[in-house]
Every structure is written in structure tokens, then in C-alpha cells.
Amino acid sequence: MELGQALCGVSGILVTPFDESGAIDPPRLVPVIDRAVAAGVDILTVNGNTGEFYGLCTAEGVTMVQSVCKMVDGCVPVVAGIGRALPDAIALTHASVAAGVDALMIHQPPDPFVAPRGVCDYIRAIRDAAGDVPLILYLRNDGVGVDAIAQMCSIEGVVGVKWATPNPMVLKRVIAAAPDHVTWVGGLAEVWAPSFYAVGARGFTSGLINVWPEHSVAINRALEAGDFDHARGLIETMQVFEDIRAAEQGGANVSGVKCALAMLGNDCGGARPPAAWPLREDQRASLKQFMIKNGLIS
């Protein structure tokens, strides 16, 4: 599938599996990837936020992208998250390109002293290291302003933006100001997808695909068909799961996914600090009820 078309579908954000000692254990992802591909997930992303990108060292990120590219083996496009200090970002860019990724997703720099023109320099440096591999910007803070975001989108090689701020009206303004070739993807998962679709975004990112990829694909198909009522009904079905992930200031985001995977018999280990791990007993009970109710476990 062509990258632009795939971005309009479901972008699955893979977890990073850990073994009992806390070391990364990529082979545990095989069942997750197989389920996602079989269900029709359009893109798989390694080293994203659900993959605990900021909890991994650069060497671990390199191993994960190399492993995921081999496991996916061209079945769907693979996107690799890139970020942190520029030398680390460039090292991970080189490794990801060598591994054969289809695009790079640039995490928005979390540095407390961020200048919009400095972010543009950051993107250009990664672009130079990436060669002709397309770039996707991951924006979690739109405080830099519409003009600055439009300038970032105008950098050669940028083909998409994953919009992860709860401000659809700002998104609408940015879409109007940015180059027409950029694809705008909802970056706040299924629950925000209808709002983002309404102002011009297409597709969405999903952590649910690790557990229930068929549901994410069904939501995307409903949105693409313009059936917002059906999409909202499907989203309501998964609201409990997203509420668990949003708990503790979002610190249970990955924990909820990994706990659900363990209930499926696909244990991918725990979540590294500073995530909220393990889930509290009331959260686990609520998650188990959700899994049983939707036929994911018995």
C-alpha cells in the first residue's frame, strides 16, 4: 500500500516487549504484529509513545526498529519514531533507514527551551540524514503557533503530521495554512478521531491495535464511509479501555495495553518507570470486565 493512502487508515503504535529481567524482547511482538496485519491495520509504528520511546536508550530503539522491520517483512508500511538529542536522533535515523522503514516519525522535542525555528533546524538535520525517506511530524503541543507549524510542514520531505493536541479548530487553521500535499492524521487515537475527521484529518493512531485491531479497523472504515453515528457507537464500546489508559495523568497509557496483552496470553512484560505499573487492582478488574464483555477473553 502506498504511504499516503496508508496514513489515511489505522496507524498502529506497537508496544515494546520486555522480558522478566526488564530487557527488550522483540520476538514477543510476533503475535501482536500477526493479529494487526490480519485485521487490516494499515501502518505499524515502532518506537512511538506506546512503544515507550522515552524509556528506551538509543541502542534499544535501534534493535526494535531492526527487529520490527524483519517481522513485518513488507506486509504493511513500517514507520520508525525518531527523537531526543539530535546526535541520538540522527543515529536512530541512519539505523532506521538501513533497516528499511517506509517513513520516519519525528517526535516533537520535549526540551523546555524550544524555538520554532530551532525545531525547523532539527527537522532539516534529520531530513538530511534520512535521504529520500519521507518524514511525519508528531505534534503534541500546538503552542508554537499556526505559522510555525506551517513552516515545519513546508520542509522538504515532510509528507504527514500526526496531530496529538485536543484542539480541532487549531488543526483546521493549520490545515488551511500548510502545503496541500501533507496528510493530517489524528494522533489522539480512536476517541478523538471523529472530531479530527470533521475538520479535515484522515486516519488515526491506535494503541488498541495491540489488543483488538479489528475494532480499530472497523472504526476507521465507518469514518471513511462518513458514518459518524456508527463510528461513535464503536468508540463508546472501547471507552472503558481508553479511560484506564488515561488514568494517573496518562501514566497508565502503556500499562493498560500491556496488562490487556497479558490477559490475552501474549505477555509483553511491564511498563518502565515513570509509567504507572502495575495497574491498581480496581483498574485491573475494570479492564478484565471490558475484555470479557467484548469477547476478547472468557
C-alpha atoms as a PDB file:
ATOM      1  CA  MET A   1       0.000   0.000   0.000  1.00  0.00           C
ATOM      2  CA  GLU A   2       1.240   3.489  -0.887  1.00  0.00           C
ATOM      3  CA  LEU A   3       2.274   5.511   2.180  1.00  0.00           C
ATOM      4  CA  GLY A   4      -0.150   8.402   1.645  1.00  0.00           C
ATOM      5  CA  GLN A   5      -3.070   6.019   1.351  1.00  0.00           C
ATOM      6  CA  ALA A   6      -1.932   4.035   4.383  1.00  0.00           C
ATOM      7  CA  LEU A   7      -1.739   7.190   6.506  1.00  0.00           C
ATOM      8  CA  CYS A   8      -5.470   7.646   5.926  1.00  0.00           C
ATOM      9  CA  GLY A   9      -6.092   4.349   7.703  1.00  0.00           C
ATOM     10  CA  VAL A  10      -5.105   2.974  11.103  1.00  0.00           C
ATOM     11  CA  SER A  11      -1.553   3.692  12.287  1.00  0.00           C
ATOM     12  CA  GLY A  12      -0.865   1.050  14.903  1.00  0.00           C
ATOM     13  CA  ILE A  13       1.637   2.012  17.601  1.00  0.00           C
ATOM     14  CA  LEU A  14       3.397  -1.125  18.790  1.00  0.00           C
ATOM     15  CA  VAL A  15       4.379  -1.760  22.396  1.00  0.00           C
ATOM     16  CA  THR A  16       7.975  -2.569  23.246  1.00  0.00           C
ATOM     17  CA  PRO A  17       8.105  -6.010  24.901  1.00  0.00           C
ATOM     18  CA  PHE A  18      10.315  -6.663  27.909  1.00  0.00           C
ATOM     19  CA  ASP A  19      11.404  -9.980  29.397  1.00  0.00           C
ATOM     20  CA  GLU A  20      11.393 -10.935  33.075  1.00  0.00           C
ATOM     21  CA  SER A  21      14.686  -9.097  33.656  1.00  0.00           C
ATOM     22  CA  GLY A  22      13.377  -5.893  32.060  1.00  0.00           C
ATOM     23  CA  ALA A  23      15.409  -6.213  28.852  1.00  0.00           C
ATOM     24  CA  ILE A  24      13.738  -5.683  25.484  1.00  0.00           C
ATOM     25  CA  ASP A  25      12.417  -8.922  23.982  1.00  0.00           C
ATOM     26  CA  PRO A  26      11.287  -8.201  20.379  1.00  0.00           C
ATOM     27  CA  PRO A  27      10.075 -11.748  19.478  1.00  0.00           C
ATOM     28  CA  ARG A  28       7.146 -11.306  21.877  1.00  0.00           C
ATOM     29  CA  LEU A  29       5.725  -8.894  19.292  1.00  0.00           C
ATOM     30  CA  VAL A  30       5.186 -11.580  16.654  1.00  0.00           C
ATOM     31  CA  PRO A  31       1.575 -12.400  17.690  1.00  0.00           C
ATOM     32  CA  VAL A  32       0.756  -8.680  18.011  1.00  0.00           C
ATOM     33  CA  ILE A  33       2.034  -7.958  14.511  1.00  0.00           C
ATOM     34  CA  ASP A  34       0.323 -11.008  13.037  1.00  0.00           C
ATOM     35  CA  ARG A  35      -3.048 -10.004  14.551  1.00  0.00           C
ATOM     36  CA  ALA A  36      -2.725  -6.416  13.369  1.00  0.00           C
ATOM     37  CA  VAL A  37      -1.795  -7.321   9.799  1.00  0.00           C
ATOM     38  CA  ALA A  38      -4.550  -9.944   9.562  1.00  0.00           C
ATOM     39  CA  ALA A  39      -7.114  -7.442  10.834  1.00  0.00           C
ATOM     40  CA  GLY A  40      -6.205  -4.876   8.185  1.00  0.00           C
ATOM     41  CA  VAL A  41      -4.187  -2.326  10.189  1.00  0.00           C
ATOM     42  CA  ASP A  42      -2.590  -0.067   7.564  1.00  0.00           C
ATOM     43  CA  ILE A  43       0.705   1.023   9.179  1.00  0.00           C
ATOM     44  CA  LEU A  44       2.769  -0.207  12.116  1.00  0.00           C
ATOM     45  CA  THR A  45       4.907   2.219  14.108  1.00  0.00           C
ATOM     46  CA  VAL A  46       7.889   1.178  16.195  1.00  0.00           C
ATOM     47  CA  ASN A  47       9.461   3.478  18.819  1.00  0.00           C
ATOM     48  CA  GLY A  48       6.296   5.513  19.276  1.00  0.00           C
ATOM     49  CA  ASN A  49       4.934   6.704  22.606  1.00  0.00           C
ATOM     50  CA  THR A  50       3.009   3.460  23.206  1.00  0.00           C
ATOM     51  CA  GLY A  51       6.377   1.841  22.497  1.00  0.00           C
ATOM     52  CA  GLU A  52       7.843   3.749  25.474  1.00  0.00           C
ATOM     53  CA  PHE A  53      10.201   5.678  23.215  1.00  0.00           C
ATOM     54  CA  TYR A  54      11.456   7.901  26.017  1.00  0.00           C
ATOM     55  CA  GLY A  55      12.025   4.865  28.249  1.00  0.00           C
ATOM     56  CA  LEU A  56      14.391   3.265  25.733  1.00  0.00           C
ATOM     57  CA  CYS A  57      18.047   4.027  25.143  1.00  0.00           C
ATOM     58  CA  THR A  58      19.125   4.639  21.563  1.00  0.00           C
ATOM     59  CA  ALA A  59      20.651   1.160  21.221  1.00  0.00           C
ATOM     60  CA  GLU A  60      17.347  -0.398  22.283  1.00  0.00           C
ATOM     61  CA  GLY A  61      15.496   1.768  19.780  1.00  0.00           C
ATOM     62  CA  VAL A  62      17.851   0.561  17.054  1.00  0.00           C
ATOM     63  CA  THR A  63      17.271  -3.076  17.963  1.00  0.00           C
ATOM     64  CA  MET A  64      13.496  -2.566  17.996  1.00  0.00           C
ATOM     65  CA  VAL A  65      13.330  -0.976  14.540  1.00  0.00           C
ATOM     66  CA  GLN A  66      15.602  -3.636  13.058  1.00  0.00           C
ATOM     67  CA  SER A  67      13.513  -6.407  14.611  1.00  0.00           C
ATOM     68  CA  VAL A  68      10.126  -4.964  13.638  1.00  0.00           C
ATOM     69  CA  CYS A  69      11.143  -4.442  10.012  1.00  0.00           C
ATOM     70  CA  LYS A  70      12.179  -8.105   9.815  1.00  0.00           C
ATOM     71  CA  MET A  71       8.987  -9.327  11.495  1.00  0.00           C
ATOM     72  CA  VAL A  72       6.658  -7.205   9.342  1.00  0.00           C
ATOM     73  CA  ASP A  73       8.614  -8.216   6.236  1.00  0.00           C
ATOM     74  CA  GLY A  74       6.883  -5.750   3.925  1.00  0.00           C
ATOM     75  CA  CYS A  75       3.302  -6.773   4.772  1.00  0.00           C
ATOM     76  CA  VAL A  76       2.453  -3.159   5.686  1.00  0.00           C
ATOM     77  CA  PRO A  77       4.477   0.057   5.806  1.00  0.00           C
ATOM     78  CA  VAL A  78       6.656   0.493   8.903  1.00  0.00           C
ATOM     79  CA  VAL A  79       7.182   3.903  10.489  1.00  0.00           C
ATOM     80  CA  ALA A  80      10.008   4.470  12.985  1.00  0.00           C
ATOM     81  CA  GLY A  81       9.912   7.047  15.753  1.00  0.00           C
ATOM     82  CA  ILE A  82      12.922   9.394  15.887  1.00  0.00           C
ATOM     83  CA  GLY A  83      13.782  11.921  18.575  1.00  0.00           C
ATOM     84  CA  ARG A  84      15.681  13.046  21.684  1.00  0.00           C
ATOM     85  CA  ALA A  85      19.069  14.782  21.389  1.00  0.00           C
ATOM     86  CA  LEU A  86      19.997  15.483  17.783  1.00  0.00           C
ATOM     87  CA  PRO A  87      23.015  13.093  17.728  1.00  0.00           C
ATOM     88  CA  ASP A  88      20.774  10.293  19.029  1.00  0.00           C
ATOM     89  CA  ALA A  89      18.031  11.215  16.555  1.00  0.00           C
ATOM     90  CA  ILE A  90      20.471  11.103  13.650  1.00  0.00           C
ATOM     91  CA  ALA A  91      21.951   7.777  14.799  1.00  0.00           C
ATOM     92  CA  LEU A  92      18.449   6.300  15.049  1.00  0.00           C
ATOM     93  CA  THR A  93      17.583   7.804  11.649  1.00  0.00           C
ATOM     94  CA  HIS A  94      20.554   6.109   9.981  1.00  0.00           C
ATOM     95  CA  ALA A  95      19.718   2.776  11.629  1.00  0.00           C
ATOM     96  CA  SER A  96      16.022   3.026  10.731  1.00  0.00           C
ATOM     97  CA  VAL A  97      16.741   3.865   7.098  1.00  0.00           C
ATOM     98  CA  ALA A  98      19.199   0.964   6.895  1.00  0.00           C
ATOM     99  CA  ALA A  99      16.556  -1.341   8.387  1.00  0.00           C
ATOM    100  CA  GLY A 100      14.189  -0.444   5.556  1.00  0.00           C
ATOM    101  CA  VAL A 101      11.493   1.693   7.167  1.00  0.00           C
ATOM    102  CA  ASP A 102       8.956   3.390   4.919  1.00  0.00           C
ATOM    103  CA  ALA A 103       8.857   6.661   6.874  1.00  0.00           C
ATOM    104  CA  LEU A 104      10.253   8.371   9.956  1.00  0.00           C
ATOM    105  CA  MET A 105       8.050   9.920  12.637  1.00  0.00           C
ATOM    106  CA  ILE A 106       9.812  12.833  14.330  1.00  0.00           C
ATOM    107  CA  HIS A 107       8.790  13.200  17.961  1.00  0.00           C
ATOM    108  CA  GLN A 108       8.256  16.811  18.986  1.00  0.00           C
ATOM    109  CA  PRO A 109      11.318  17.868  21.048  1.00  0.00           C
ATOM    110  CA  PRO A 110      10.393  17.973  24.784  1.00  0.00           C
ATOM    111  CA  ASP A 111      13.249  20.356  25.627  1.00  0.00           C
ATOM    112  CA  PRO A 112      11.973  23.231  27.848  1.00  0.00           C
ATOM    113  CA  PHE A 113      13.733  25.791  25.621  1.00  0.00           C
ATOM    114  CA  VAL A 114      12.272  25.193  22.184  1.00  0.00           C
ATOM    115  CA  ALA A 115      12.307  27.858  19.458  1.00  0.00           C
ATOM    116  CA  PRO A 116      10.079  27.239  16.435  1.00  0.00           C
ATOM    117  CA  ARG A 117      12.981  27.985  14.080  1.00  0.00           C
ATOM    118  CA  GLY A 118      15.122  25.622  16.143  1.00  0.00           C
ATOM    119  CA  VAL A 119      12.579  22.847  15.600  1.00  0.00           C
ATOM    120  CA  CYS A 120      12.793  23.553  11.857  1.00  0.00           C
ATOM    121  CA  ASP A 121      16.581  23.157  12.062  1.00  0.00           C
ATOM    122  CA  TYR A 122      16.069  19.892  13.977  1.00  0.00           C
ATOM    123  CA  ILE A 123      13.733  18.555  11.279  1.00  0.00           C
ATOM    124  CA  ARG A 124      16.095  19.595   8.475  1.00  0.00           C
ATOM    125  CA  ALA A 125      19.034  17.835  10.151  1.00  0.00           C
ATOM    126  CA  ILE A 126      17.020  14.625  10.350  1.00  0.00           C
ATOM    127  CA  ARG A 127      15.868  15.114   6.762  1.00  0.00           C
ATOM    128  CA  ASP A 128      19.483  15.381   5.620  1.00  0.00           C
ATOM    129  CA  ALA A 129      20.297  12.133   7.439  1.00  0.00           C
ATOM    130  CA  ALA A 130      17.174  10.393   6.113  1.00  0.00           C
ATOM    131  CA  GLY A 131      17.835  10.949   2.417  1.00  0.00           C
ATOM    132  CA  ASP A 132      14.637  10.341   0.475  1.00  0.00           C
ATOM    133  CA  VAL A 133      12.746   8.533   3.271  1.00  0.00           C
ATOM    134  CA  PRO A 134       9.521  10.517   3.987  1.00  0.00           C
ATOM    135  CA  LEU A 135       9.054  12.364   7.268  1.00  0.00           C
ATOM    136  CA  ILE A 136       5.984  12.538   9.502  1.00  0.00           C
ATOM    137  CA  LEU A 137       5.836  15.157  12.244  1.00  0.00           C
ATOM    138  CA  TYR A 138       4.364  14.171  15.602  1.00  0.00           C
ATOM    139  CA  LEU A 139       2.911  17.294  17.223  1.00  0.00           C
ATOM    140  CA  ARG A 140       1.784  17.082  20.848  1.00  0.00           C
ATOM    141  CA  ASN A 141       1.905  20.811  21.536  1.00  0.00           C
ATOM    142  CA  ASP A 142       0.415  23.343  19.147  1.00  0.00           C
ATOM    143  CA  GLY A 143       1.592  26.301  21.260  1.00  0.00           C
ATOM    144  CA  VAL A 144       4.276  27.104  18.701  1.00  0.00           C
ATOM    145  CA  GLY A 145       1.533  28.613  16.543  1.00  0.00           C
ATOM    146  CA  VAL A 146      -0.088  28.089  13.177  1.00  0.00           C
ATOM    147  CA  ASP A 147       2.595  29.880  11.152  1.00  0.00           C
ATOM    148  CA  ALA A 148       5.435  27.918  12.736  1.00  0.00           C
ATOM    149  CA  ILE A 149       3.695  24.583  12.165  1.00  0.00           C
ATOM    150  CA  ALA A 150       3.018  25.531   8.544  1.00  0.00           C
ATOM    151  CA  GLN A 151       6.737  26.313   8.132  1.00  0.00           C
ATOM    152  CA  MET A 152       7.651  22.902   9.558  1.00  0.00           C
ATOM    153  CA  CYS A 153       5.265  21.238   7.111  1.00  0.00           C
ATOM    154  CA  SER A 154       6.902  23.113   4.226  1.00  0.00           C
ATOM    155  CA  ILE A 155      10.282  21.471   4.849  1.00  0.00           C
ATOM    156  CA  GLU A 156      11.232  19.153   2.018  1.00  0.00           C
ATOM    157  CA  GLY A 157      10.446  15.540   2.821  1.00  0.00           C
ATOM    158  CA  VAL A 158       7.578  16.175   5.247  1.00  0.00           C
ATOM    159  CA  VAL A 159       4.520  14.277   3.995  1.00  0.00           C
ATOM    160  CA  GLY A 160       2.348  13.961   7.085  1.00  0.00           C
ATOM    161  CA  VAL A 161       1.542  15.192  10.573  1.00  0.00           C
ATOM    162  CA  LYS A 162       0.198  13.208  13.494  1.00  0.00           C
ATOM    163  CA  TRP A 163      -1.870  15.784  15.351  1.00  0.00           C
ATOM    164  CA  ALA A 164      -1.926  14.941  19.077  1.00  0.00           C
ATOM    165  CA  THR A 165      -3.445  18.026  20.700  1.00  0.00           C
ATOM    166  CA  PRO A 166      -7.138  18.279  21.668  1.00  0.00           C
ATOM    167  CA  ASN A 167      -7.661  21.419  19.574  1.00  0.00           C
ATOM    168  CA  PRO A 168      -9.522  20.554  16.374  1.00  0.00           C
ATOM    169  CA  MET A 169     -10.196  24.172  15.484  1.00  0.00           C
ATOM    170  CA  VAL A 170      -6.459  24.933  15.578  1.00  0.00           C
ATOM    171  CA  LEU A 171      -5.957  21.882  13.406  1.00  0.00           C
ATOM    172  CA  LYS A 172      -8.453  23.294  10.918  1.00  0.00           C
ATOM    173  CA  ARG A 173      -6.477  26.550  10.700  1.00  0.00           C
ATOM    174  CA  VAL A 174      -3.161  24.735  10.301  1.00  0.00           C
ATOM    175  CA  ILE A 175      -4.504  22.513   7.527  1.00  0.00           C
ATOM    176  CA  ALA A 176      -5.558  25.634   5.644  1.00  0.00           C
ATOM    177  CA  ALA A 177      -2.120  27.262   6.132  1.00  0.00           C
ATOM    178  CA  ALA A 178       0.075  24.252   5.335  1.00  0.00           C
ATOM    179  CA  PRO A 179       1.009  22.739   1.948  1.00  0.00           C
ATOM    180  CA  ASP A 180      -1.762  20.712   0.313  1.00  0.00           C
ATOM    181  CA  HIS A 181       0.319  17.536  -0.028  1.00  0.00           C
ATOM    182  CA  VAL A 182       0.545  16.984   3.747  1.00  0.00           C
ATOM    183  CA  THR A 183      -1.688  14.257   5.210  1.00  0.00           C
ATOM    184  CA  TRP A 184      -3.118  15.107   8.642  1.00  0.00           C
ATOM    185  CA  VAL A 185      -3.562  12.090  10.908  1.00  0.00           C
ATOM    186  CA  GLY A 186      -5.465  12.086  14.196  1.00  0.00           C
ATOM    187  CA  GLY A 187      -2.806  11.436  16.814  1.00  0.00           C
ATOM    188  CA  LEU A 188      -5.045  11.019  19.861  1.00  0.00           C
ATOM    189  CA  ALA A 189      -6.365   7.553  18.990  1.00  0.00           C
ATOM    190  CA  GLU A 190      -9.920   6.479  18.282  1.00  0.00           C
ATOM    191  CA  VAL A 191     -11.780   8.689  20.761  1.00  0.00           C
ATOM    192  CA  TRP A 192     -10.734  11.939  19.067  1.00  0.00           C
ATOM    193  CA  ALA A 193     -10.896  10.655  15.509  1.00  0.00           C
ATOM    194  CA  PRO A 194     -14.438  11.899  14.662  1.00  0.00           C
ATOM    195  CA  SER A 195     -13.595  15.440  15.811  1.00  0.00           C
ATOM    196  CA  PHE A 196     -10.404  15.485  13.764  1.00  0.00           C
ATOM    197  CA  TYR A 197     -12.124  13.976  10.727  1.00  0.00           C
ATOM    198  CA  ALA A 198     -14.725  16.731  10.905  1.00  0.00           C
ATOM    199  CA  VAL A 199     -12.062  19.398  10.262  1.00  0.00           C
ATOM    200  CA  GLY A 200     -10.081  17.564   7.588  1.00  0.00           C
ATOM    201  CA  ALA A 201      -7.848  14.909   9.185  1.00  0.00           C
ATOM    202  CA  ARG A 202      -7.764  11.325   7.926  1.00  0.00           C
ATOM    203  CA  GLY A 203      -6.906   8.152   9.774  1.00  0.00           C
ATOM    204  CA  PHE A 204      -5.740   7.889  13.385  1.00  0.00           C
ATOM    205  CA  THR A 205      -3.074   6.383  15.597  1.00  0.00           C
ATOM    206  CA  SER A 206      -4.015   3.468  17.828  1.00  0.00           C
ATOM    207  CA  GLY A 207      -2.609   1.571  20.784  1.00  0.00           C
ATOM    208  CA  LEU A 208      -5.742  -0.589  20.874  1.00  0.00           C
ATOM    209  CA  ILE A 209      -4.444  -2.480  17.828  1.00  0.00           C
ATOM    210  CA  ASN A 210      -2.030  -4.356  20.087  1.00  0.00           C
ATOM    211  CA  VAL A 211      -5.078  -5.950  21.727  1.00  0.00           C
ATOM    212  CA  TRP A 212      -8.164  -5.573  19.494  1.00  0.00           C
ATOM    213  CA  PRO A 213      -7.095  -4.483  15.998  1.00  0.00           C
ATOM    214  CA  GLU A 214     -10.377  -5.468  14.350  1.00  0.00           C
ATOM    215  CA  HIS A 215     -12.191  -2.807  16.365  1.00  0.00           C
ATOM    216  CA  SER A 216      -9.817  -0.037  15.313  1.00  0.00           C
ATOM    217  CA  VAL A 217     -10.172  -1.043  11.658  1.00  0.00           C
ATOM    218  CA  ALA A 218     -13.980  -1.040  11.969  1.00  0.00           C
ATOM    219  CA  ILE A 219     -13.910   2.499  13.390  1.00  0.00           C
ATOM    220  CA  ASN A 220     -11.710   3.714  10.553  1.00  0.00           C
ATOM    221  CA  ARG A 221     -13.964   2.152   7.936  1.00  0.00           C
ATOM    222  CA  ALA A 222     -17.013   3.813   9.477  1.00  0.00           C
ATOM    223  CA  LEU A 223     -15.285   7.202   9.434  1.00  0.00           C
ATOM    224  CA  GLU A 224     -14.108   6.760   5.851  1.00  0.00           C
ATOM    225  CA  ALA A 225     -17.691   5.941   4.877  1.00  0.00           C
ATOM    226  CA  GLY A 226     -18.925   9.090   6.610  1.00  0.00           C
ATOM    227  CA  ASP A 227     -20.964   7.044   9.109  1.00  0.00           C
ATOM    228  CA  PHE A 228     -20.142   9.087  12.198  1.00  0.00           C
ATOM    229  CA  ASP A 229     -23.003   7.596  14.245  1.00  0.00           C
ATOM    230  CA  HIS A 230     -21.643   4.081  13.772  1.00  0.00           C
ATOM    231  CA  ALA A 231     -18.093   5.252  14.488  1.00  0.00           C
ATOM    232  CA  ARG A 232     -19.174   6.938  17.718  1.00  0.00           C
ATOM    233  CA  GLY A 233     -21.013   3.783  18.785  1.00  0.00           C
ATOM    234  CA  LEU A 234     -17.905   1.689  18.216  1.00  0.00           C
ATOM    235  CA  ILE A 235     -15.792   4.217  20.109  1.00  0.00           C
ATOM    236  CA  GLU A 236     -18.213   4.126  23.032  1.00  0.00           C
ATOM    237  CA  THR A 237     -17.656   0.352  23.191  1.00  0.00           C
ATOM    238  CA  MET A 238     -13.931   0.897  23.858  1.00  0.00           C
ATOM    239  CA  GLN A 239     -14.254   3.949  26.141  1.00  0.00           C
ATOM    240  CA  VAL A 240     -13.504   1.958  29.292  1.00  0.00           C
ATOM    241  CA  PHE A 241     -10.175   0.853  27.832  1.00  0.00           C
ATOM    242  CA  GLU A 242      -9.202   4.416  26.964  1.00  0.00           C
ATOM    243  CA  ASP A 243     -10.314   5.708  30.382  1.00  0.00           C
ATOM    244  CA  ILE A 244      -7.994   3.201  32.055  1.00  0.00           C
ATOM    245  CA  ARG A 245      -5.115   4.302  29.830  1.00  0.00           C
ATOM    246  CA  ALA A 246      -5.789   7.983  30.576  1.00  0.00           C
ATOM    247  CA  ALA A 247      -5.612   7.481  34.346  1.00  0.00           C
ATOM    248  CA  GLU A 248      -2.839   8.920  36.519  1.00  0.00           C
ATOM    249  CA  GLN A 249      -2.140  11.806  34.135  1.00  0.00           C
ATOM    250  CA  GLY A 250      -1.787   9.376  31.241  1.00  0.00           C
ATOM    251  CA  GLY A 251       0.769   7.321  33.151  1.00  0.00           C
ATOM    252  CA  ALA A 252      -1.347   4.178  32.715  1.00  0.00           C
ATOM    253  CA  ASN A 253      -1.376   4.514  28.911  1.00  0.00           C
ATOM    254  CA  VAL A 254       1.098   1.754  28.139  1.00  0.00           C
ATOM    255  CA  SER A 255       0.288  -0.133  31.329  1.00  0.00           C
ATOM    256  CA  GLY A 256      -3.317  -0.637  30.240  1.00  0.00           C
ATOM    257  CA  VAL A 257      -2.224  -2.078  26.908  1.00  0.00           C
ATOM    258  CA  LYS A 258       0.397  -4.383  28.418  1.00  0.00           C
ATOM    259  CA  CYS A 259      -1.964  -5.611  31.132  1.00  0.00           C
ATOM    260  CA  ALA A 260      -4.554  -6.420  28.441  1.00  0.00           C
ATOM    261  CA  LEU A 261      -1.916  -8.260  26.412  1.00  0.00           C
ATOM    262  CA  ALA A 262      -1.034 -10.380  29.441  1.00  0.00           C
ATOM    263  CA  MET A 263      -4.732 -11.241  29.857  1.00  0.00           C
ATOM    264  CA  LEU A 264      -4.730 -12.371  26.219  1.00  0.00           C
ATOM    265  CA  GLY A 265      -1.832 -14.711  26.960  1.00  0.00           C
ATOM    266  CA  ASN A 266       0.557 -12.512  24.966  1.00  0.00           C
ATOM    267  CA  ASP A 267       2.662 -11.230  27.861  1.00  0.00           C
ATOM    268  CA  CYS A 268       4.901  -8.330  26.767  1.00  0.00           C
ATOM    269  CA  GLY A 269       6.202  -7.567  30.224  1.00  0.00           C
ATOM    270  CA  GLY A 270       5.642  -4.482  32.313  1.00  0.00           C
ATOM    271  CA  ALA A 271       5.978  -0.778  31.630  1.00  0.00           C
ATOM    272  CA  ARG A 272       9.149   1.008  32.681  1.00  0.00           C
ATOM    273  CA  PRO A 273       9.141   3.884  35.161  1.00  0.00           C
ATOM    274  CA  PRO A 274       7.884   6.588  35.163  1.00  0.00           C
ATOM    275  CA  ALA A 275       4.799   4.741  33.866  1.00  0.00           C
ATOM    276  CA  ALA A 276       2.163   3.633  36.381  1.00  0.00           C
ATOM    277  CA  TRP A 277       2.992  -0.064  36.665  1.00  0.00           C
ATOM    278  CA  PRO A 278       1.392  -2.342  37.646  1.00  0.00           C
ATOM    279  CA  LEU A 279      -2.208  -1.235  37.277  1.00  0.00           C
ATOM    280  CA  ARG A 280      -4.158  -0.864  40.509  1.00  0.00           C
ATOM    281  CA  GLU A 281      -6.498  -3.727  41.411  1.00  0.00           C
ATOM    282  CA  ASP A 282      -9.600  -1.680  40.571  1.00  0.00           C
ATOM    283  CA  GLN A 283      -8.111  -0.833  37.164  1.00  0.00           C
ATOM    284  CA  ARG A 284      -7.270  -4.479  36.510  1.00  0.00           C
ATOM    285  CA  ALA A 285     -10.791  -5.537  37.473  1.00  0.00           C
ATOM    286  CA  SER A 286     -12.332  -2.947  35.167  1.00  0.00           C
ATOM    287  CA  LEU A 287     -10.016  -3.978  32.329  1.00  0.00           C
ATOM    288  CA  LYS A 288     -10.822  -7.670  32.796  1.00  0.00           C
ATOM    289  CA  GLN A 289     -14.544  -6.918  32.689  1.00  0.00           C
ATOM    290  CA  PHE A 290     -14.016  -4.946  29.462  1.00  0.00           C
ATOM    291  CA  MET A 291     -12.092  -7.831  27.916  1.00  0.00           C
ATOM    292  CA  ILE A 292     -14.749 -10.388  28.867  1.00  0.00           C
ATOM    293  CA  LYS A 293     -17.655  -8.195  27.760  1.00  0.00           C
ATOM    294  CA  ASN A 294     -16.158  -7.784  24.298  1.00  0.00           C
ATOM    295  CA  GLY A 295     -15.259 -11.447  23.859  1.00  0.00           C
ATOM    296  CA  LEU A 296     -11.508 -10.919  23.975  1.00  0.00           C
ATOM    297  CA  ILE A 297     -11.121 -13.370  26.858  1.00  0.00           C
ATOM    298  CA  SER A 298     -13.532 -15.744  28.560  1.00  0.00           C
END
